[in-house]
Amino acid sequence: MALDDFAEPEIAITAAVTAAIFSPRARKLIRKGLVYGTAGVLVAGDAVASLARGVGQGIQQAGAAATQAAQEAMQQGQEETRQAAGEVKEEETPSKTSPSRRKAALKTEAPKPAEEAGG
């Protein structure tokens, strides 16, 4: 093989792979690279998973806080509505009694003249 043959990419790659396979030093270096590379990928994966978990928990807590605030606002609105309805009912209660009932109530409360004179 001539020196020009090694200039072609296919032949150069094949020669480098062959030298790496048959060289103990190259195999050791490749093995270390693979181990450290795999460890780096695992650590990066753990970091991404931890970050995603933290973001998920933050979103969940924000959602829970928003839900709680909405429930409190709804309860406060219901309370105000009940209070307003209670005030309206108290105002309407005297007008619901008819005039004839009021007169009947007054007649039964008034003492009879015969009872006063008999004493």
N, C-alpha and C. Protein backbone atom coordinates (compact mmCIF):
# COMPACT_ATOMS: atom_id res chain seq x y z
N MET A 1 0.85 -1.17 0.00
CA MET A 1 0.00 0.00 0.00
C MET A 1 0.89 1.22 0.00
N ALA A 2 0.45 2.14 -0.77
CA ALA A 2 1.20 3.38 -0.88
C ALA A 2 0.69 4.38 0.14
N LEU A 3 1.46 5.43 0.35
CA LEU A 3 1.09 6.46 1.32
C LEU A 3 -0.16 7.20 0.87
N ASP A 4 -0.38 7.29 -0.42
CA ASP A 4 -1.58 7.96 -0.95
C ASP A 4 -2.86 7.19 -0.59
N ASP A 5 -2.74 5.89 -0.43
CA ASP A 5 -3.91 5.07 -0.10
C ASP A 5 -4.44 5.42 1.31
N PHE A 6 -3.55 5.78 2.24
CA PHE A 6 -3.99 6.12 3.60
C PHE A 6 -4.66 7.48 3.68
N ALA A 7 -4.60 8.27 2.63
CA ALA A 7 -5.22 9.58 2.60
C ALA A 7 -6.73 9.48 2.38
N GLU A 8 -7.16 8.36 1.86
CA GLU A 8 -8.61 8.18 1.67
C GLU A 8 -9.26 7.93 3.05
N PRO A 9 -10.44 8.54 3.31
CA PRO A 9 -11.06 8.44 4.65
C PRO A 9 -11.40 7.00 5.06
N GLU A 10 -11.88 6.19 4.13
CA GLU A 10 -12.27 4.83 4.50
C GLU A 10 -11.07 4.02 4.96
N ILE A 11 -9.99 4.17 4.28
CA ILE A 11 -8.80 3.39 4.60
C ILE A 11 -8.18 3.91 5.90
N ALA A 12 -8.18 5.21 6.09
CA ALA A 12 -7.62 5.79 7.31
C ALA A 12 -8.40 5.34 8.54
N ILE A 13 -9.70 5.33 8.44
CA ILE A 13 -10.54 4.89 9.56
C ILE A 13 -10.31 3.42 9.84
N THR A 14 -10.24 2.61 8.82
CA THR A 14 -10.01 1.18 9.00
C THR A 14 -8.66 0.93 9.65
N ALA A 15 -7.65 1.66 9.26
CA ALA A 15 -6.32 1.49 9.84
C ALA A 15 -6.31 1.90 11.30
N ALA A 16 -7.01 2.98 11.66
CA ALA A 16 -7.06 3.44 13.05
C ALA A 16 -7.80 2.44 13.92
N VAL A 17 -8.88 1.89 13.41
CA VAL A 17 -9.65 0.91 14.19
C VAL A 17 -8.83 -0.35 14.38
N THR A 18 -8.12 -0.79 13.36
CA THR A 18 -7.29 -2.00 13.46
C THR A 18 -6.17 -1.78 14.48
N ALA A 19 -5.56 -0.63 14.46
CA ALA A 19 -4.49 -0.34 15.42
C ALA A 19 -5.05 -0.29 16.83
N ALA A 20 -6.25 0.25 17.02
CA ALA A 20 -6.86 0.33 18.35
C ALA A 20 -7.23 -1.05 18.87
N ILE A 21 -7.68 -1.91 17.98
CA ILE A 21 -8.09 -3.25 18.41
C ILE A 21 -6.87 -4.06 18.87
N PHE A 22 -5.78 -3.94 18.17
CA PHE A 22 -4.61 -4.77 18.47
C PHE A 22 -3.66 -4.11 19.48
N SER A 23 -3.89 -2.89 19.90
CA SER A 23 -3.01 -2.22 20.84
C SER A 23 -3.64 -2.25 22.24
N PRO A 24 -2.98 -2.86 23.23
CA PRO A 24 -3.52 -2.91 24.59
C PRO A 24 -3.66 -1.52 25.20
N ARG A 25 -2.75 -0.65 24.93
CA ARG A 25 -2.82 0.71 25.46
C ARG A 25 -4.04 1.44 24.89
N ALA A 26 -4.32 1.30 23.62
CA ALA A 26 -5.46 1.95 22.99
C ALA A 26 -6.78 1.38 23.54
N ARG A 27 -6.80 0.04 23.72
CA ARG A 27 -8.01 -0.58 24.28
C ARG A 27 -8.28 -0.08 25.70
N LYS A 28 -7.25 0.05 26.51
CA LYS A 28 -7.41 0.55 27.87
C LYS A 28 -7.93 1.99 27.85
N LEU A 29 -7.39 2.79 26.97
CA LEU A 29 -7.82 4.18 26.85
C LEU A 29 -9.29 4.26 26.39
N ILE A 30 -9.64 3.43 25.44
CA ILE A 30 -11.04 3.41 24.94
C ILE A 30 -11.99 2.97 26.06
N ARG A 31 -11.57 1.92 26.80
CA ARG A 31 -12.40 1.43 27.90
C ARG A 31 -12.63 2.51 28.95
N LYS A 32 -11.55 3.19 29.35
CA LYS A 32 -11.69 4.28 30.33
C LYS A 32 -12.60 5.37 29.79
N GLY A 33 -12.44 5.69 28.55
CA GLY A 33 -13.29 6.72 27.94
C GLY A 33 -14.75 6.32 27.95
N LEU A 34 -15.01 5.05 27.64
CA LEU A 34 -16.40 4.57 27.66
C LEU A 34 -16.97 4.59 29.08
N VAL A 35 -16.18 4.18 30.07
CA VAL A 35 -16.65 4.15 31.46
C VAL A 35 -16.94 5.57 31.94
N TYR A 36 -15.98 6.45 31.72
CA TYR A 36 -16.19 7.84 32.17
C TYR A 36 -17.31 8.52 31.39
N GLY A 37 -17.41 8.21 30.12
CA GLY A 37 -18.49 8.78 29.31
C GLY A 37 -19.86 8.31 29.78
N THR A 38 -19.95 7.00 30.08
CA THR A 38 -21.22 6.46 30.57
C THR A 38 -21.57 7.05 31.93
N ALA A 39 -20.56 7.18 32.80
CA ALA A 39 -20.80 7.78 34.12
C ALA A 39 -21.27 9.23 33.97
N GLY A 40 -20.67 9.95 33.05
CA GLY A 40 -21.08 11.34 32.81
C GLY A 40 -22.51 11.43 32.32
N VAL A 41 -22.88 10.51 31.43
CA VAL A 41 -24.25 10.50 30.92
C VAL A 41 -25.23 10.19 32.05
N LEU A 42 -24.88 9.23 32.92
CA LEU A 42 -25.76 8.89 34.04
C LEU A 42 -25.91 10.06 35.02
N VAL A 43 -24.80 10.73 35.32
CA VAL A 43 -24.86 11.88 36.23
C VAL A 43 -25.69 13.00 35.61
N ALA A 44 -25.50 13.24 34.33
CA ALA A 44 -26.28 14.28 33.66
C ALA A 44 -27.77 13.91 33.64
N GLY A 45 -28.04 12.63 33.42
CA GLY A 45 -29.44 12.17 33.44
C GLY A 45 -30.07 12.36 34.81
N ASP A 46 -29.32 12.05 35.87
CA ASP A 46 -29.83 12.26 37.23
C ASP A 46 -30.08 13.73 37.51
N ALA A 47 -29.17 14.59 37.02
CA ALA A 47 -29.35 16.03 37.24
C ALA A 47 -30.59 16.54 36.51
N VAL A 48 -30.80 16.07 35.30
CA VAL A 48 -31.98 16.50 34.54
C VAL A 48 -33.25 15.98 35.20
N ALA A 49 -33.21 14.73 35.66
CA ALA A 49 -34.38 14.15 36.33
C ALA A 49 -34.69 14.91 37.62
N SER A 50 -33.65 15.25 38.38
CA SER A 50 -33.84 16.00 39.63
C SER A 50 -34.42 17.38 39.35
N LEU A 51 -33.89 18.02 38.32
CA LEU A 51 -34.41 19.34 37.94
C LEU A 51 -35.87 19.24 37.53
N ALA A 52 -36.19 18.23 36.73
CA ALA A 52 -37.58 18.05 36.29
C ALA A 52 -38.50 17.78 37.48
N ARG A 53 -38.02 16.96 38.42
CA ARG A 53 -38.81 16.67 39.62
C ARG A 53 -39.06 17.94 40.42
N GLY A 54 -38.01 18.75 40.58
CA GLY A 54 -38.15 20.01 41.33
C GLY A 54 -39.11 20.96 40.65
N VAL A 55 -39.03 21.05 39.33
CA VAL A 55 -39.96 21.91 38.59
C VAL A 55 -41.39 21.38 38.73
N GLY A 56 -41.53 20.07 38.64
CA GLY A 56 -42.87 19.46 38.79
C GLY A 56 -43.47 19.74 40.15
N GLN A 57 -42.65 19.60 41.19
CA GLN A 57 -43.15 19.87 42.55
C GLN A 57 -43.49 21.34 42.72
N GLY A 58 -42.67 22.21 42.14
CA GLY A 58 -42.96 23.65 42.22
C GLY A 58 -44.27 23.99 41.54
N ILE A 59 -44.50 23.40 40.38
CA ILE A 59 -45.75 23.64 39.66
C ILE A 59 -46.92 23.08 40.47
N GLN A 60 -46.73 21.91 41.04
CA GLN A 60 -47.80 21.30 41.84
C GLN A 60 -48.13 22.16 43.06
N GLN A 61 -47.11 22.68 43.74
CA GLN A 61 -47.35 23.54 44.90
C GLN A 61 -48.02 24.84 44.49
N ALA A 62 -47.61 25.39 43.36
CA ALA A 62 -48.23 26.62 42.89
C ALA A 62 -49.69 26.36 42.54
N GLY A 63 -49.96 25.22 41.92
CA GLY A 63 -51.35 24.87 41.60
C GLY A 63 -52.18 24.68 42.85
N ALA A 64 -51.59 24.04 43.86
CA ALA A 64 -52.32 23.83 45.12
C ALA A 64 -52.60 25.16 45.80
N ALA A 65 -51.63 26.06 45.77
CA ALA A 65 -51.83 27.37 46.38
C ALA A 65 -52.89 28.16 45.63
N ALA A 66 -52.88 28.07 44.32
CA ALA A 66 -53.90 28.77 43.52
C ALA A 66 -55.28 28.18 43.78
N THR A 67 -55.35 26.86 43.90
CA THR A 67 -56.64 26.21 44.19
C THR A 67 -57.15 26.63 45.55
N GLN A 68 -56.26 26.66 46.53
CA GLN A 68 -56.65 27.06 47.88
C GLN A 68 -57.12 28.51 47.90
N ALA A 69 -56.42 29.38 47.19
CA ALA A 69 -56.82 30.79 47.14
C ALA A 69 -58.18 30.94 46.46
N ALA A 70 -58.40 30.16 45.42
CA ALA A 70 -59.68 30.23 44.72
C ALA A 70 -60.81 29.72 45.62
N GLN A 71 -60.55 28.65 46.38
CA GLN A 71 -61.57 28.13 47.28
C GLN A 71 -61.88 29.14 48.39
N GLU A 72 -60.84 29.78 48.92
CA GLU A 72 -61.06 30.78 49.96
C GLU A 72 -61.86 31.96 49.42
N ALA A 73 -61.54 32.38 48.20
CA ALA A 73 -62.28 33.48 47.60
C ALA A 73 -63.74 33.09 47.37
N MET A 74 -63.95 31.85 46.94
CA MET A 74 -65.31 31.38 46.70
C MET A 74 -66.08 31.31 48.02
N GLN A 75 -65.44 30.82 49.09
CA GLN A 75 -66.10 30.75 50.39
C GLN A 75 -66.41 32.15 50.92
N GLN A 76 -65.50 33.07 50.71
CA GLN A 76 -65.73 34.44 51.16
C GLN A 76 -66.90 35.05 50.39
N GLY A 77 -66.95 34.78 49.10
CA GLY A 77 -68.07 35.29 48.30
C GLY A 77 -69.39 34.69 48.73
N GLN A 78 -69.38 33.39 49.03
CA GLN A 78 -70.60 32.74 49.51
C GLN A 78 -71.02 33.31 50.85
N GLU A 79 -70.04 33.58 51.71
CA GLU A 79 -70.34 34.15 53.03
C GLU A 79 -70.97 35.53 52.87
N GLU A 80 -70.41 36.33 51.97
CA GLU A 80 -70.97 37.66 51.74
C GLU A 80 -72.37 37.56 51.16
N THR A 81 -72.58 36.58 50.29
CA THR A 81 -73.91 36.39 49.71
C THR A 81 -74.91 35.98 50.78
N ARG A 82 -74.47 35.09 51.68
CA ARG A 82 -75.37 34.67 52.77
C ARG A 82 -75.71 35.85 53.67
N GLN A 83 -74.71 36.66 53.99
CA GLN A 83 -74.95 37.82 54.84
C GLN A 83 -75.90 38.79 54.15
N ALA A 84 -75.70 39.02 52.88
CA ALA A 84 -76.59 39.93 52.15
C ALA A 84 -77.99 39.35 52.09
N ALA A 85 -78.11 38.05 51.89
CA ALA A 85 -79.43 37.41 51.84
C ALA A 85 -80.09 37.46 53.21
N GLY A 86 -79.30 37.30 54.27
CA GLY A 86 -79.85 37.37 55.63
C GLY A 86 -80.37 38.76 55.94
N GLU A 87 -79.71 39.80 55.49
CA GLU A 87 -80.17 41.17 55.71
C GLU A 87 -81.45 41.43 54.95
N VAL A 88 -81.55 40.91 53.75
CA VAL A 88 -82.75 41.10 52.95
C VAL A 88 -83.92 40.36 53.59
N LYS A 89 -83.71 39.15 54.09
CA LYS A 89 -84.78 38.39 54.71
C LYS A 89 -85.27 39.08 55.98
N GLU A 90 -84.35 39.65 56.75
CA GLU A 90 -84.76 40.35 57.97
C GLU A 90 -85.60 41.57 57.63
N GLU A 91 -85.29 42.26 56.56
CA GLU A 91 -86.07 43.42 56.16
C GLU A 91 -87.43 43.01 55.63
N GLU A 92 -87.50 41.86 54.94
CA GLU A 92 -88.75 41.41 54.34
C GLU A 92 -89.68 40.78 55.36
N THR A 93 -89.17 40.27 56.46
CA THR A 93 -89.98 39.53 57.42
C THR A 93 -91.15 40.34 57.96
N PRO A 94 -91.00 41.58 58.42
CA PRO A 94 -92.15 42.30 58.93
C PRO A 94 -93.20 42.59 57.85
N SER A 95 -92.81 42.80 56.64
CA SER A 95 -93.78 43.13 55.60
C SER A 95 -94.57 41.91 55.17
N LYS A 96 -94.10 40.70 55.49
CA LYS A 96 -94.82 39.50 55.09
C LYS A 96 -96.09 39.30 55.92
N THR A 97 -96.11 39.80 57.12
CA THR A 97 -97.31 39.64 57.94
C THR A 97 -98.38 40.58 57.41
N SER A 98 -99.52 40.06 57.21
CA SER A 98 -100.60 40.87 56.65
C SER A 98 -101.18 41.81 57.72
N PRO A 99 -101.80 42.89 57.30
CA PRO A 99 -102.38 43.82 58.27
C PRO A 99 -103.44 43.16 59.16
N SER A 100 -104.21 42.22 58.62
CA SER A 100 -105.25 41.58 59.43
C SER A 100 -104.62 40.74 60.54
N ARG A 101 -103.49 40.13 60.28
CA ARG A 101 -102.82 39.35 61.32
C ARG A 101 -102.29 40.27 62.40
N ARG A 102 -101.75 41.42 61.99
CA ARG A 102 -101.25 42.36 62.99
C ARG A 102 -102.41 42.83 63.89
N LYS A 103 -103.57 43.12 63.30
CA LYS A 103 -104.72 43.56 64.08
C LYS A 103 -105.18 42.47 65.03
N ALA A 104 -105.15 41.22 64.55
CA ALA A 104 -105.57 40.11 65.41
C ALA A 104 -104.60 39.96 66.57
N ALA A 105 -103.32 40.14 66.29
CA ALA A 105 -102.34 40.04 67.36
C ALA A 105 -102.53 41.15 68.37
N LEU A 106 -102.83 42.36 67.92
CA LEU A 106 -103.05 43.47 68.83
C LEU A 106 -104.29 43.25 69.68
N LYS A 107 -105.35 42.69 69.09
CA LYS A 107 -106.58 42.46 69.82
C LYS A 107 -106.36 41.43 70.93
N THR A 108 -105.60 40.40 70.67
CA THR A 108 -105.40 39.38 71.70
C THR A 108 -104.48 39.88 72.81
N GLU A 109 -103.61 40.82 72.51
CA GLU A 109 -102.71 41.33 73.52
C GLU A 109 -103.37 42.37 74.42
N ALA A 110 -104.34 43.08 73.89
CA ALA A 110 -104.99 44.13 74.68
C ALA A 110 -105.83 43.50 75.79
N PRO A 111 -105.73 44.03 77.01
CA PRO A 111 -106.54 43.48 78.11
C PRO A 111 -108.03 43.82 77.90
N LYS A 112 -108.89 42.92 78.34
CA LYS A 112 -110.32 43.14 78.20
C LYS A 112 -110.80 44.07 79.30
N PRO A 113 -111.67 44.99 78.98
CA PRO A 113 -112.14 45.94 79.99
C PRO A 113 -112.87 45.25 81.14
N ALA A 114 -113.54 44.17 80.91
CA ALA A 114 -114.30 43.51 81.97
C ALA A 114 -113.36 42.93 83.02
N GLU A 115 -112.23 42.46 82.61
CA GLU A 115 -111.30 41.88 83.56
C GLU A 115 -110.71 42.95 84.46
N GLU A 116 -110.45 44.16 83.92
CA GLU A 116 -109.88 45.21 84.73
C GLU A 116 -110.87 45.70 85.80
N ALA A 117 -112.13 45.79 85.44
CA ALA A 117 -113.13 46.30 86.37
C ALA A 117 -113.47 45.30 87.47
N GLY A 118 -113.31 44.05 87.19
CA GLY A 118 -113.70 43.01 88.15
C GLY A 118 -112.73 42.93 89.32
N GLY A 119 -111.55 43.43 89.30
CA GLY A 119 -110.55 43.22 90.28
C GLY A 119 -110.68 43.93 91.51
